[in-house]
C-alpha atoms as a PDB file:
ATOM      1  CA  MET A   1       5.393  34.702  14.963  1.00  0.00           C
ATOM      2  CA  PRO A   2       7.939  35.132  12.025  1.00  0.00           C
ATOM      3  CA  ALA A   3      11.013  37.353  12.861  1.00  0.00           C
ATOM      4  CA  TYR A   4       9.918  39.195   9.332  1.00  0.00           C
ATOM      5  CA  PRO A   5       7.263  38.745   6.692  1.00  0.00           C
ATOM      6  CA  GLY A   6       7.770  35.356   4.250  1.00  0.00           C
ATOM      7  CA  SER A   7      10.700  33.568   7.006  1.00  0.00           C
ATOM      8  CA  ASP A   8       7.765  31.121   8.472  1.00  0.00           C
ATOM      9  CA  LEU A   9       8.523  30.011   4.243  1.00  0.00           C
ATOM     10  CA  LEU A  10      12.239  29.489   4.891  1.00  0.00           C
ATOM     11  CA  ALA A  11      14.174  25.651   4.162  1.00  0.00           C
ATOM     12  CA  ASP A  12      14.205  25.199   7.890  1.00  0.00           C
ATOM     13  CA  CYS A  13      10.317  25.854   8.536  1.00  0.00           C
ATOM     14  CA  PRO A  14       8.195  23.551   9.815  1.00  0.00           C
ATOM     15  CA  ALA A  15       5.270  25.406   7.450  1.00  0.00           C
ATOM     16  CA  ARG A  16       7.640  23.883   4.795  1.00  0.00           C
ATOM     17  CA  LEU A  17       6.922  20.399   5.426  1.00  0.00           C
ATOM     18  CA  ALA A  18       2.837  20.738   5.870  1.00  0.00           C
ATOM     19  CA  VAL A  19       3.152  22.259   1.934  1.00  0.00           C
ATOM     20  CA  GLU A  20       5.477  19.635   0.775  1.00  0.00           C
ATOM     21  CA  ILE A  21       3.427  16.864   2.331  1.00  0.00           C
ATOM     22  CA  ILE A  22      -0.298  18.480   0.747  1.00  0.00           C
ATOM     23  CA  ALA A  23       1.085  19.552  -2.412  1.00  0.00           C
ATOM     24  CA  ASP A  24       1.742  15.453  -3.182  1.00  0.00           C
ATOM     25  CA  LYS A  25      -0.963  15.279  -5.908  1.00  0.00           C
ATOM     26  CA  TRP A  26      -2.503  11.906  -4.318  1.00  0.00           C
ATOM     27  CA  ALA A  27      -1.601  12.786  -0.300  1.00  0.00           C
ATOM     28  CA  VAL A  28      -4.682  14.841  -0.008  1.00  0.00           C
ATOM     29  CA  VAL A  29      -7.309  12.703  -1.727  1.00  0.00           C
ATOM     30  CA  VAL A  30      -5.457   9.514   0.270  1.00  0.00           C
ATOM     31  CA  LEU A  31      -6.075  11.278   3.908  1.00  0.00           C
ATOM     32  CA  TYR A  32      -9.531  12.062   2.963  1.00  0.00           C
ATOM     33  CA  ALA A  33     -10.609   8.926   1.729  1.00  0.00           C
ATOM     34  CA  LEU A  34      -9.204   7.104   5.062  1.00  0.00           C
ATOM     35  CA  ARG A  35     -10.883   9.733   7.049  1.00  0.00           C
ATOM     36  CA  GLY A  36     -13.664   6.784   8.241  1.00  0.00           C
ATOM     37  CA  GLU A  37     -12.823   3.181   8.291  1.00  0.00           C
ATOM     38  CA  PRO A  38      -9.502   1.591   7.851  1.00  0.00           C
ATOM     39  CA  ARG A  39      -9.772   0.416   4.153  1.00  0.00           C
ATOM     40  CA  ARG A  40      -7.951  -2.142   1.992  1.00  0.00           C
ATOM     41  CA  HIS A  41      -5.845  -1.731  -0.416  1.00  0.00           C
ATOM     42  CA  GLY A  42      -8.237  -2.388  -3.673  1.00  0.00           C
ATOM     43  CA  GLU A  43     -11.048  -0.787  -1.884  1.00  0.00           C
ATOM     44  CA  LEU A  44      -8.718   3.174  -1.776  1.00  0.00           C
ATOM     45  CA  VAL A  45      -8.555   2.445  -5.472  1.00  0.00           C
ATOM     46  CA  GLU A  46     -12.061   2.194  -6.192  1.00  0.00           C
ATOM     47  CA  ALA A  47     -13.286   4.733  -3.637  1.00  0.00           C
ATOM     48  CA  ILE A  48     -10.414   7.372  -5.126  1.00  0.00           C
ATOM     49  CA  GLY A  49     -11.288   6.659  -8.566  1.00  0.00           C
ATOM     50  CA  GLY A  50      -8.102   7.843 -11.240  1.00  0.00           C
ATOM     51  CA  ILE A  51      -5.033   6.554  -9.245  1.00  0.00           C
ATOM     52  CA  SER A  52      -3.006   3.047 -10.530  1.00  0.00           C
ATOM     53  CA  ARG A  53      -2.016   0.944  -7.675  1.00  0.00           C
ATOM     54  CA  LYS A  54       1.758   1.986  -8.074  1.00  0.00           C
ATOM     55  CA  VAL A  55       0.548   5.355  -7.321  1.00  0.00           C
ATOM     56  CA  LEU A  56      -1.329   4.906  -4.329  1.00  0.00           C
ATOM     57  CA  THR A  57       1.916   2.488  -3.180  1.00  0.00           C
ATOM     58  CA  GLN A  58       4.480   4.449  -2.572  1.00  0.00           C
ATOM     59  CA  THR A  59       1.689   7.542  -1.894  1.00  0.00           C
ATOM     60  CA  LEU A  60       0.497   5.669   1.174  1.00  0.00           C
ATOM     61  CA  ARG A  61       4.420   4.496   1.718  1.00  0.00           C
ATOM     62  CA  ARG A  62       5.340   8.163   1.772  1.00  0.00           C
ATOM     63  CA  LEU A  63       2.330   9.484   3.734  1.00  0.00           C
ATOM     64  CA  GLN A  64       4.068   6.110   6.370  1.00  0.00           C
ATOM     65  CA  GLY A  65       7.165   7.793   6.552  1.00  0.00           C
ATOM     66  CA  HIS A  66       5.626  10.852   7.783  1.00  0.00           C
ATOM     67  CA  GLY A  67       3.375   8.767  10.524  1.00  0.00           C
ATOM     68  CA  LEU A  68       0.078   9.609   9.343  1.00  0.00           C
ATOM     69  CA  VAL A  69      -1.178   6.326   7.617  1.00  0.00           C
ATOM     70  CA  GLU A  70      -0.161   3.035   9.455  1.00  0.00           C
ATOM     71  CA  ARG A  71      -0.239  -0.645   7.929  1.00  0.00           C
ATOM     72  CA  ARG A  72      -1.696  -2.711   9.781  1.00  0.00           C
ATOM     73  CA  ALA A  73      -1.607  -6.729   8.796  1.00  0.00           C
ATOM     74  CA  THR A  74      -4.563  -8.776  10.238  1.00  0.00           C
ATOM     75  CA  ASP A  75      -4.960 -12.667   9.322  1.00  0.00           C
ATOM     76  CA  GLY A  76      -3.616 -12.204   6.187  1.00  0.00           C
ATOM     77  CA  LYS A  77      -5.734  -8.911   5.318  1.00  0.00           C
ATOM     78  CA  VAL A  78      -3.705  -5.135   5.044  1.00  0.00           C
ATOM     79  CA  GLU A  79      -5.606  -2.333   5.652  1.00  0.00           C
ATOM     80  CA  TYR A  80      -4.481   1.129   6.088  1.00  0.00           C
ATOM     81  CA  LEU A  81      -5.620   3.869   8.613  1.00  0.00           C
ATOM     82  CA  LEU A  82      -5.438   7.400   9.341  1.00  0.00           C
ATOM     83  CA  THR A  83      -2.654   7.770  12.498  1.00  0.00           C
ATOM     84  CA  GLU A  84      -3.948   9.876  15.156  1.00  0.00           C
ATOM     85  CA  LEU A  85      -1.283  12.985  13.773  1.00  0.00           C
ATOM     86  CA  GLY A  86      -2.675  11.664  10.449  1.00  0.00           C
ATOM     87  CA  ARG A  87      -6.532  12.744  11.117  1.00  0.00           C
ATOM     88  CA  THR A  88      -4.417  16.270  12.353  1.00  0.00           C
ATOM     89  CA  LEU A  89      -5.074  17.278   8.970  1.00  0.00           C
ATOM     90  CA  LEU A  90      -8.414  16.907   8.281  1.00  0.00           C
ATOM     91  CA  PRO A  91      -9.387  20.513   9.212  1.00  0.00           C
ATOM     92  CA  PRO A  92      -6.753  21.742   7.482  1.00  0.00           C
ATOM     93  CA  ILE A  93      -8.250  19.676   4.222  1.00  0.00           C
ATOM     94  CA  ALA A  94     -11.448  20.537   4.869  1.00  0.00           C
ATOM     95  CA  VAL A  95     -10.518  24.384   5.040  1.00  0.00           C
ATOM     96  CA  LEU A  96      -8.575  23.453   1.637  1.00  0.00           C
ATOM     97  CA  THR A  97     -12.176  21.550   0.323  1.00  0.00           C
ATOM     98  CA  GLU A  98     -14.234  24.731   1.130  1.00  0.00           C
ATOM     99  CA  TRP A  99     -12.170  27.208  -0.335  1.00  0.00           C
ATOM    100  CA  SER A 100     -12.157  25.100  -3.770  1.00  0.00           C
ATOM    101  CA  HIS A 101     -16.194  25.074  -3.860  1.00  0.00           C
ATOM    102  CA  VAL A 102     -16.381  28.888  -2.725  1.00  0.00           C
ATOM    103  CA  HIS A 103     -13.307  29.817  -5.756  1.00  0.00           C
ATOM    104  CA  GLY A 104     -12.763  27.114  -7.699  1.00  0.00           C
ATOM    105  CA  GLY A 105     -15.251  28.717 -10.784  1.00  0.00           C
ATOM    106  CA  ALA A 106     -13.487  31.278 -10.395  1.00  0.00           C
ATOM    107  CA  VAL A 107     -10.016  30.134 -11.441  1.00  0.00           C
ATOM    108  CA  THR A 108     -11.356  27.773 -13.725  1.00  0.00           C
ATOM    109  CA  GLU A 109     -13.233  31.017 -15.559  1.00  0.00           C
ATOM    110  CA  PHE A 110      -9.681  32.705 -15.201  1.00  0.00           C
ATOM    111  CA  ARG A 111      -8.035  29.976 -16.918  1.00  0.00           C
ATOM    112  CA  ALA A 112     -10.159  29.836 -19.713  1.00  0.00           C
ATOM    113  CA  LEU A 113      -9.684  33.421 -20.570  1.00  0.00           C
ATOM    114  CA  SER A 114      -5.678  32.989 -20.119  1.00  0.00           C
ATOM    115  CA  TRP A 115      -5.380  30.354 -22.837  1.00  0.00           C
END
């Protein structure tokens, strides 16, 4: 429990790390794309759509650096998979997805009226 309201988002607070990870434009999408079986780089590009190979590589490296994704090379083939730690982000991603399904229309309407 935070010492005072808002203190859970101070610079040295672990909550900021979670926000930093999921705030990356492609991180959540890549994590979600890896929720099933391991995938090769080209498979991820195809499954995600709209992401360049370069940006995918950068995102995968960043997620590897956080211990969320593992890069595995076998028989000359490289594939990526979620680590156990990476799998712990799937439930929060599901909650955010549900929120966007329920409230996304309202956000879109508000933005249209604001412009």
